[in-house]
Amino acid sequence: MAQPAPVLTQCAVHAMIRKRARFSAPGERRNGMKKFECPCGYVYDPQVGDPEGGIAPGTAFEDIPEDWVCPICGLGKDAFTEV
């Protein structure tokens, strides 16, 4: 009789994600796009974009217009740092 497939716990999934992240350059995503963080804590994720701010998913931070601001606190792009 075949054995059932193992069930991955949330801890196991997080461990797999952390392990994969160690093999990536800082700030680098699997798709090659980087995340940037505002001092207020908001993180711009290129895969999500900022639809309410007119930024489509898949838009790299570098391609966002210079007048774009953080949707949480209103700081400009120059306040963000790569994470």
PDB file of N, CA and C in Angstrom:
ATOM      1  N   MET A   1       0.844  -1.186   0.000  1.00  0.00           N
ATOM      2  CA  MET A   1       0.000   0.000   0.000  1.00  0.00           C
ATOM      3  C   MET A   1       0.889   1.249   0.000  1.00  0.00           C
ATOM      4  N   ALA A   2       0.540   2.207  -0.830  1.00  0.00           N
ATOM      5  CA  ALA A   2       1.329   3.431  -0.948  1.00  0.00           C
ATOM      6  C   ALA A   2       1.171   4.292   0.291  1.00  0.00           C
ATOM      7  N   GLN A   3       2.263   4.936   0.655  1.00  0.00           N
ATOM      8  CA  GLN A   3       2.223   5.824   1.812  1.00  0.00           C
ATOM      9  C   GLN A   3       1.747   7.204   1.370  1.00  0.00           C
ATOM     10  N   PRO A   4       1.004   7.883   2.231  1.00  0.00           N
ATOM     11  CA  PRO A   4       0.533   9.227   1.867  1.00  0.00           C
ATOM     12  C   PRO A   4       1.710  10.199   1.796  1.00  0.00           C
ATOM     13  N   ALA A   5       1.548  11.196   0.956  1.00  0.00           N
ATOM     14  CA  ALA A   5       2.590  12.219   0.826  1.00  0.00           C
ATOM     15  C   ALA A   5       2.706  12.985   2.133  1.00  0.00           C
ATOM     16  N   PRO A   6       3.933  13.391   2.507  1.00  0.00           N
ATOM     17  CA  PRO A   6       4.085  14.140   3.755  1.00  0.00           C
ATOM     18  C   PRO A   6       3.417  15.509   3.650  1.00  0.00           C
ATOM     19  N   VAL A   7       2.885  15.943   4.756  1.00  0.00           N
ATOM     20  CA  VAL A   7       2.243  17.252   4.818  1.00  0.00           C
ATOM     21  C   VAL A   7       3.290  18.255   5.287  1.00  0.00           C
ATOM     22  N   LEU A   8       3.449  19.337   4.533  1.00  0.00           N
ATOM     23  CA  LEU A   8       4.403  20.370   4.921  1.00  0.00           C
ATOM     24  C   LEU A   8       3.754  21.309   5.929  1.00  0.00           C
ATOM     25  N   THR A   9       4.418  21.475   7.039  1.00  0.00           N
ATOM     26  CA  THR A   9       3.932  22.426   8.026  1.00  0.00           C
ATOM     27  C   THR A   9       4.343  23.829   7.610  1.00  0.00           C
ATOM     28  N   GLN A  10       3.745  24.818   8.229  1.00  0.00           N
ATOM     29  CA  GLN A  10       4.088  26.199   7.921  1.00  0.00           C
ATOM     30  C   GLN A  10       5.565  26.446   8.228  1.00  0.00           C
ATOM     31  N   CYS A  11       6.080  25.858   9.297  1.00  0.00           N
ATOM     32  CA  CYS A  11       7.499  26.018   9.643  1.00  0.00           C
ATOM     33  C   CYS A  11       8.393  25.433   8.552  1.00  0.00           C
ATOM     34  N   ALA A  12       8.010  24.296   8.000  1.00  0.00           N
ATOM     35  CA  ALA A  12       8.807  23.668   6.951  1.00  0.00           C
ATOM     36  C   ALA A  12       8.825  24.534   5.696  1.00  0.00           C
ATOM     37  N   VAL A  13       7.703  25.122   5.368  1.00  0.00           N
ATOM     38  CA  VAL A  13       7.625  25.988   4.194  1.00  0.00           C
ATOM     39  C   VAL A  13       8.506  27.217   4.395  1.00  0.00           C
ATOM     40  N   HIS A  14       8.437  27.833   5.578  1.00  0.00           N
ATOM     41  CA  HIS A  14       9.260  29.004   5.857  1.00  0.00           C
ATOM     42  C   HIS A  14      10.742  28.652   5.816  1.00  0.00           C
ATOM     43  N   ALA A  15      11.110  27.483   6.295  1.00  0.00           N
ATOM     44  CA  ALA A  15      12.503  27.045   6.249  1.00  0.00           C
ATOM     45  C   ALA A  15      12.976  26.905   4.803  1.00  0.00           C
ATOM     46  N   MET A  16      12.124  26.389   3.938  1.00  0.00           N
ATOM     47  CA  MET A  16      12.481  26.247   2.530  1.00  0.00           C
ATOM     48  C   MET A  16      12.669  27.621   1.890  1.00  0.00           C
ATOM     49  N   ILE A  17      11.827  28.570   2.229  1.00  0.00           N
ATOM     50  CA  ILE A  17      11.928  29.916   1.680  1.00  0.00           C
ATOM     51  C   ILE A  17      13.222  30.577   2.155  1.00  0.00           C
ATOM     52  N   ARG A  18      13.529  30.447   3.447  1.00  0.00           N
ATOM     53  CA  ARG A  18      14.765  31.035   3.973  1.00  0.00           C
ATOM     54  C   ARG A  18      15.985  30.412   3.308  1.00  0.00           C
ATOM     55  N   LYS A  19      15.958  29.111   3.108  1.00  0.00           N
ATOM     56  CA  LYS A  19      17.088  28.429   2.481  1.00  0.00           C
ATOM     57  C   LYS A  19      17.279  28.948   1.062  1.00  0.00           C
ATOM     58  N   ARG A  20      16.203  29.105   0.301  1.00  0.00           N
ATOM     59  CA  ARG A  20      16.281  29.613  -1.066  1.00  0.00           C
ATOM     60  C   ARG A  20      16.805  31.043  -1.068  1.00  0.00           C
ATOM     61  N   ALA A  21      16.394  31.852  -0.092  1.00  0.00           N
ATOM     62  CA  ALA A  21      16.809  33.250  -0.033  1.00  0.00           C
ATOM     63  C   ALA A  21      18.309  33.381   0.205  1.00  0.00           C
ATOM     64  N   ARG A  22      18.912  32.429   0.914  1.00  0.00           N
ATOM     65  CA  ARG A  22      20.350  32.496   1.177  1.00  0.00           C
ATOM     66  C   ARG A  22      21.177  32.380  -0.093  1.00  0.00           C
ATOM     67  N   PHE A  23      20.628  31.793  -1.118  1.00  0.00           N
ATOM     68  CA  PHE A  23      21.359  31.597  -2.357  1.00  0.00           C
ATOM     69  C   PHE A  23      21.131  32.728  -3.356  1.00  0.00           C
ATOM     70  N   SER A  24      20.371  33.737  -2.956  1.00  0.00           N
ATOM     71  CA  SER A  24      20.116  34.885  -3.817  1.00  0.00           C
ATOM     72  C   SER A  24      20.940  36.069  -3.336  1.00  0.00           C
ATOM     73  N   ALA A  25      21.253  36.957  -4.247  1.00  0.00           N
ATOM     74  CA  ALA A  25      21.938  38.187  -3.863  1.00  0.00           C
ATOM     75  C   ALA A  25      20.968  39.034  -3.043  1.00  0.00           C
ATOM     76  N   PRO A  26      21.477  39.885  -2.139  1.00  0.00           N
ATOM     77  CA  PRO A  26      20.589  40.728  -1.343  1.00  0.00           C
ATOM     78  C   PRO A  26      19.654  41.533  -2.235  1.00  0.00           C
ATOM     79  N   GLY A  27      18.371  41.536  -1.893  1.00  0.00           N
ATOM     80  CA  GLY A  27      17.383  42.289  -2.646  1.00  0.00           C
ATOM     81  C   GLY A  27      16.937  41.648  -3.941  1.00  0.00           C
ATOM     82  N   GLU A  28      17.559  40.559  -4.336  1.00  0.00           N
ATOM     83  CA  GLU A  28      17.251  39.940  -5.625  1.00  0.00           C
ATOM     84  C   GLU A  28      16.080  38.965  -5.470  1.00  0.00           C
ATOM     85  N   ARG A  29      15.150  39.050  -6.352  1.00  0.00           N
ATOM     86  CA  ARG A  29      14.016  38.135  -6.373  1.00  0.00           C
ATOM     87  C   ARG A  29      14.305  37.040  -7.378  1.00  0.00           C
ATOM     88  N   ARG A  30      13.538  35.980  -7.326  1.00  0.00           N
ATOM     89  CA  ARG A  30      13.726  34.903  -8.299  1.00  0.00           C
ATOM     90  C   ARG A  30      13.526  35.391  -9.723  1.00  0.00           C
ATOM     91  N   ASN A  31      12.699  36.415  -9.907  1.00  0.00           N
ATOM     92  CA  ASN A  31      12.465  36.942 -11.245  1.00  0.00           C
ATOM     93  C   ASN A  31      13.463  38.047 -11.596  1.00  0.00           C
ATOM     94  N   GLY A  32      14.437  38.300 -10.720  1.00  0.00           N
ATOM     95  CA  GLY A  32      15.465  39.292 -10.978  1.00  0.00           C
ATOM     96  C   GLY A  32      15.107  40.703 -10.546  1.00  0.00           C
ATOM     97  N   MET A  33      13.893  40.933 -10.050  1.00  0.00           N
ATOM     98  CA  MET A  33      13.504  42.269  -9.616  1.00  0.00           C
ATOM     99  C   MET A  33      13.727  42.417  -8.116  1.00  0.00           C
ATOM    100  N   LYS A  34      14.132  43.604  -7.717  1.00  0.00           N
ATOM    101  CA  LYS A  34      14.488  43.867  -6.325  1.00  0.00           C
ATOM    102  C   LYS A  34      13.362  44.570  -5.584  1.00  0.00           C
ATOM    103  N   LYS A  35      13.314  44.327  -4.265  1.00  0.00           N
ATOM    104  CA  LYS A  35      12.369  45.012  -3.393  1.00  0.00           C
ATOM    105  C   LYS A  35      13.061  46.221  -2.787  1.00  0.00           C
ATOM    106  N   PHE A  36      12.276  47.257  -2.504  1.00  0.00           N
ATOM    107  CA  PHE A  36      12.793  48.467  -1.875  1.00  0.00           C
ATOM    108  C   PHE A  36      11.889  48.833  -0.707  1.00  0.00           C
ATOM    109  N   GLU A  37      12.508  49.313   0.387  1.00  0.00           N
ATOM    110  CA  GLU A  37      11.758  49.634   1.596  1.00  0.00           C
ATOM    111  C   GLU A  37      11.840  51.116   1.925  1.00  0.00           C
ATOM    112  N   CYS A  38      10.698  51.667   2.314  1.00  0.00           N
ATOM    113  CA  CYS A  38      10.594  53.047   2.760  1.00  0.00           C
ATOM    114  C   CYS A  38      10.942  53.091   4.258  1.00  0.00           C
ATOM    115  N   PRO A  39      11.442  54.205   4.769  1.00  0.00           N
ATOM    116  CA  PRO A  39      11.699  54.301   6.210  1.00  0.00           C
ATOM    117  C   PRO A  39      10.468  54.021   7.072  1.00  0.00           C
ATOM    118  N   CYS A  40       9.274  54.222   6.533  1.00  0.00           N
ATOM    119  CA  CYS A  40       8.052  53.951   7.309  1.00  0.00           C
ATOM    120  C   CYS A  40       7.748  52.465   7.428  1.00  0.00           C
ATOM    121  N   GLY A  41       8.464  51.627   6.650  1.00  0.00           N
ATOM    122  CA  GLY A  41       8.248  50.188   6.716  1.00  0.00           C
ATOM    123  C   GLY A  41       7.559  49.600   5.496  1.00  0.00           C
ATOM    124  N   TYR A  42       6.997  50.444   4.651  1.00  0.00           N
ATOM    125  CA  TYR A  42       6.361  49.942   3.427  1.00  0.00           C
ATOM    126  C   TYR A  42       7.431  49.354   2.510  1.00  0.00           C
ATOM    127  N   VAL A  43       7.151  48.173   1.967  1.00  0.00           N
ATOM    128  CA  VAL A  43       8.076  47.529   1.036  1.00  0.00           C
ATOM    129  C   VAL A  43       7.437  47.482  -0.338  1.00  0.00           C
ATOM    130  N   TYR A  44       8.130  48.080  -1.313  1.00  0.00           N
ATOM    131  CA  TYR A  44       7.655  47.996  -2.696  1.00  0.00           C
ATOM    132  C   TYR A  44       8.100  46.660  -3.268  1.00  0.00           C
ATOM    133  N   ASP A  45       7.138  45.839  -3.655  1.00  0.00           N
ATOM    134  CA  ASP A  45       7.400  44.540  -4.260  1.00  0.00           C
ATOM    135  C   ASP A  45       7.009  44.627  -5.728  1.00  0.00           C
ATOM    136  N   PRO A  46       7.978  44.489  -6.638  1.00  0.00           N
ATOM    137  CA  PRO A  46       7.676  44.621  -8.064  1.00  0.00           C
ATOM    138  C   PRO A  46       6.618  43.637  -8.562  1.00  0.00           C
ATOM    139  N   GLN A  47       6.526  42.482  -7.943  1.00  0.00           N
ATOM    140  CA  GLN A  47       5.522  41.512  -8.382  1.00  0.00           C
ATOM    141  C   GLN A  47       4.112  41.985  -8.071  1.00  0.00           C
ATOM    142  N   VAL A  48       3.980  42.836  -7.052  1.00  0.00           N
ATOM    143  CA  VAL A  48       2.671  43.359  -6.666  1.00  0.00           C
ATOM    144  C   VAL A  48       2.424  44.721  -7.305  1.00  0.00           C
ATOM    145  N   GLY A  49       3.493  45.547  -7.373  1.00  0.00           N
ATOM    146  CA  GLY A  49       3.338  46.900  -7.887  1.00  0.00           C
ATOM    147  C   GLY A  49       2.603  47.774  -6.887  1.00  0.00           C
ATOM    148  N   ASP A  50       1.986  48.819  -7.360  1.00  0.00           N
ATOM    149  CA  ASP A  50       1.152  49.707  -6.546  1.00  0.00           C
ATOM    150  C   ASP A  50      -0.041  50.104  -7.406  1.00  0.00           C
ATOM    151  N   PRO A  51      -0.979  49.162  -7.603  1.00  0.00           N
ATOM    152  CA  PRO A  51      -2.111  49.434  -8.499  1.00  0.00           C
ATOM    153  C   PRO A  51      -2.885  50.708  -8.154  1.00  0.00           C
ATOM    154  N   GLU A  52      -3.046  50.991  -6.854  1.00  0.00           N
ATOM    155  CA  GLU A  52      -3.775  52.199  -6.466  1.00  0.00           C
ATOM    156  C   GLU A  52      -2.988  53.455  -6.826  1.00  0.00           C
ATOM    157  N   GLY A  53      -1.650  53.338  -6.932  1.00  0.00           N
ATOM    158  CA  GLY A  53      -0.807  54.463  -7.306  1.00  0.00           C
ATOM    159  C   GLY A  53      -0.484  54.483  -8.787  1.00  0.00           C
ATOM    160  N   GLY A  54      -1.120  53.599  -9.552  1.00  0.00           N
ATOM    161  CA  GLY A  54      -0.924  53.570 -10.991  1.00  0.00           C
ATOM    162  C   GLY A  54       0.293  52.782 -11.448  1.00  0.00           C
ATOM    163  N   ILE A  55       0.867  51.955 -10.563  1.00  0.00           N
ATOM    164  CA  ILE A  55       2.040  51.149 -10.909  1.00  0.00           C
ATOM    165  C   ILE A  55       1.593  49.696 -11.074  1.00  0.00           C
ATOM    166  N   ALA A  56       1.707  49.179 -12.281  1.00  0.00           N
ATOM    167  CA  ALA A  56       1.240  47.830 -12.588  1.00  0.00           C
ATOM    168  C   ALA A  56       2.158  46.772 -11.972  1.00  0.00           C
ATOM    169  N   PRO A  57       1.596  45.612 -11.617  1.00  0.00           N
ATOM    170  CA  PRO A  57       2.438  44.496 -11.176  1.00  0.00           C
ATOM    171  C   PRO A  57       3.472  44.173 -12.256  1.00  0.00           C
ATOM    172  N   GLY A  58       4.677  43.831 -11.806  1.00  0.00           N
ATOM    173  CA  GLY A  58       5.747  43.515 -12.735  1.00  0.00           C
ATOM    174  C   GLY A  58       6.626  44.715 -13.074  1.00  0.00           C
ATOM    175  N   THR A  59       6.345  45.880 -12.466  1.00  0.00           N
ATOM    176  CA  THR A  59       7.133  47.078 -12.723  1.00  0.00           C
ATOM    177  C   THR A  59       8.315  47.146 -11.763  1.00  0.00           C
ATOM    178  N   ALA A  60       9.527  47.161 -12.310  1.00  0.00           N
ATOM    179  CA  ALA A  60      10.727  47.284 -11.481  1.00  0.00           C
ATOM    180  C   ALA A  60      10.745  48.660 -10.821  1.00  0.00           C
ATOM    181  N   PHE A  61      11.334  48.733  -9.634  1.00  0.00           N
ATOM    182  CA  PHE A  61      11.406  49.997  -8.904  1.00  0.00           C
ATOM    183  C   PHE A  61      12.061  51.091  -9.742  1.00  0.00           C
ATOM    184  N   GLU A  62      13.081  50.718 -10.478  1.00  0.00           N
ATOM    185  CA  GLU A  62      13.807  51.676 -11.313  1.00  0.00           C
ATOM    186  C   GLU A  62      12.928  52.277 -12.408  1.00  0.00           C
ATOM    187  N   ASP A  63      11.866  51.571 -12.788  1.00  0.00           N
ATOM    188  CA  ASP A  63      10.983  52.017 -13.866  1.00  0.00           C
ATOM    189  C   ASP A  63       9.785  52.826 -13.374  1.00  0.00           C
ATOM    190  N   ILE A  64       9.668  52.992 -12.058  1.00  0.00           N
ATOM    191  CA  ILE A  64       8.575  53.796 -11.495  1.00  0.00           C
ATOM    192  C   ILE A  64       8.892  55.268 -11.770  1.00  0.00           C
ATOM    193  N   PRO A  65       7.895  56.071 -12.126  1.00  0.00           N
ATOM    194  CA  PRO A  65       8.140  57.504 -12.361  1.00  0.00           C
ATOM    195  C   PRO A  65       8.761  58.174 -11.127  1.00  0.00           C
ATOM    196  N   GLU A  66       9.604  59.170 -11.366  1.00  0.00           N
ATOM    197  CA  GLU A  66      10.308  59.848 -10.276  1.00  0.00           C
ATOM    198  C   GLU A  66       9.367  60.580  -9.322  1.00  0.00           C
ATOM    199  N   ASP A  67       8.157  60.931  -9.769  1.00  0.00           N
ATOM    200  CA  ASP A  67       7.232  61.650  -8.897  1.00  0.00           C
ATOM    201  C   ASP A  67       6.344  60.716  -8.063  1.00  0.00           C
ATOM    202  N   TRP A  68       6.558  59.400  -8.182  1.00  0.00           N
ATOM    203  CA  TRP A  68       5.800  58.436  -7.372  1.00  0.00           C
ATOM    204  C   TRP A  68       6.201  58.592  -5.917  1.00  0.00           C
ATOM    205  N   VAL A  69       5.242  58.412  -5.014  1.00  0.00           N
ATOM    206  CA  VAL A  69       5.515  58.506  -3.579  1.00  0.00           C
ATOM    207  C   VAL A  69       4.998  57.266  -2.859  1.00  0.00           C
ATOM    208  N   CYS A  70       5.559  57.044  -1.675  1.00  0.00           N
ATOM    209  CA  CYS A  70       5.128  55.917  -0.841  1.00  0.00           C
ATOM    210  C   CYS A  70       3.631  56.032  -0.563  1.00  0.00           C
ATOM    211  N   PRO A  71       2.883  54.947  -0.779  1.00  0.00           N
ATOM    212  CA  PRO A  71       1.434  55.013  -0.554  1.00  0.00           C
ATOM    213  C   PRO A  71       1.057  55.113   0.923  1.00  0.00           C
ATOM    214  N   ILE A  72       2.010  54.887   1.823  1.00  0.00           N
ATOM    215  CA  ILE A  72       1.720  54.955   3.255  1.00  0.00           C
ATOM    216  C   ILE A  72       2.035  56.338   3.832  1.00  0.00           C
ATOM    217  N   CYS A  73       3.270  56.834   3.572  1.00  0.00           N
ATOM    218  CA  CYS A  73       3.698  58.072   4.235  1.00  0.00           C
ATOM    219  C   CYS A  73       3.943  59.241   3.294  1.00  0.00           C
ATOM    220  N   GLY A  74       4.002  58.994   1.977  1.00  0.00           N
ATOM    221  CA  GLY A  74       4.175  60.077   1.019  1.00  0.00           C
ATOM    222  C   GLY A  74       5.608  60.459   0.709  1.00  0.00           C
ATOM    223  N   LEU A  75       6.606  59.722   1.244  1.00  0.00           N
ATOM    224  CA  LEU A  75       7.998  60.011   0.901  1.00  0.00           C
ATOM    225  C   LEU A  75       8.273  59.604  -0.540  1.00  0.00           C
ATOM    226  N   GLY A  76       9.244  60.274  -1.170  1.00  0.00           N
ATOM    227  CA  GLY A  76       9.597  59.995  -2.556  1.00  0.00           C
ATOM    228  C   GLY A  76      10.492  58.782  -2.706  1.00  0.00           C
ATOM    229  N   LYS A  77      10.739  58.413  -3.955  1.00  0.00           N
ATOM    230  CA  LYS A  77      11.572  57.241  -4.271  1.00  0.00           C
ATOM    231  C   LYS A  77      12.959  57.321  -3.658  1.00  0.00           C
ATOM    232  N   ASP A  78      13.506  58.534  -3.543  1.00  0.00           N
ATOM    233  CA  ASP A  78      14.870  58.671  -3.039  1.00  0.00           C
ATOM    234  C   ASP A  78      15.011  58.281  -1.570  1.00  0.00           C
ATOM    235  N   ALA A  79      13.902  58.136  -0.852  1.00  0.00           N
ATOM    236  CA  ALA A  79      13.936  57.729   0.555  1.00  0.00           C
ATOM    237  C   ALA A  79      14.019  56.210   0.704  1.00  0.00           C
ATOM    238  N   PHE A  80      13.746  55.463  -0.365  1.00  0.00           N
ATOM    239  CA  PHE A  80      13.708  54.000  -0.307  1.00  0.00           C
ATOM    240  C   PHE A  80      15.117  53.416  -0.367  1.00  0.00           C
ATOM    241  N   THR A  81      15.288  52.265   0.296  1.00  0.00           N
ATOM    242  CA  THR A  81      16.558  51.535   0.224  1.00  0.00           C
ATOM    243  C   THR A  81      16.272  50.106  -0.211  1.00  0.00           C
ATOM    244  N   GLU A  82      17.240  49.530  -0.894  1.00  0.00           N
ATOM    245  CA  GLU A  82      17.112  48.150  -1.372  1.00  0.00           C
ATOM    246  C   GLU A  82      17.139  47.190  -0.198  1.00  0.00           C
ATOM    247  N   VAL A  83      16.260  46.193  -0.231  1.00  0.00           N
ATOM    248  CA  VAL A  83      16.237  45.150   0.818  1.00  0.00           C
ATOM    249  C   VAL A  83      16.507  43.797   0.243  1.00  0.00           C
TER     250      VAL A  83
END
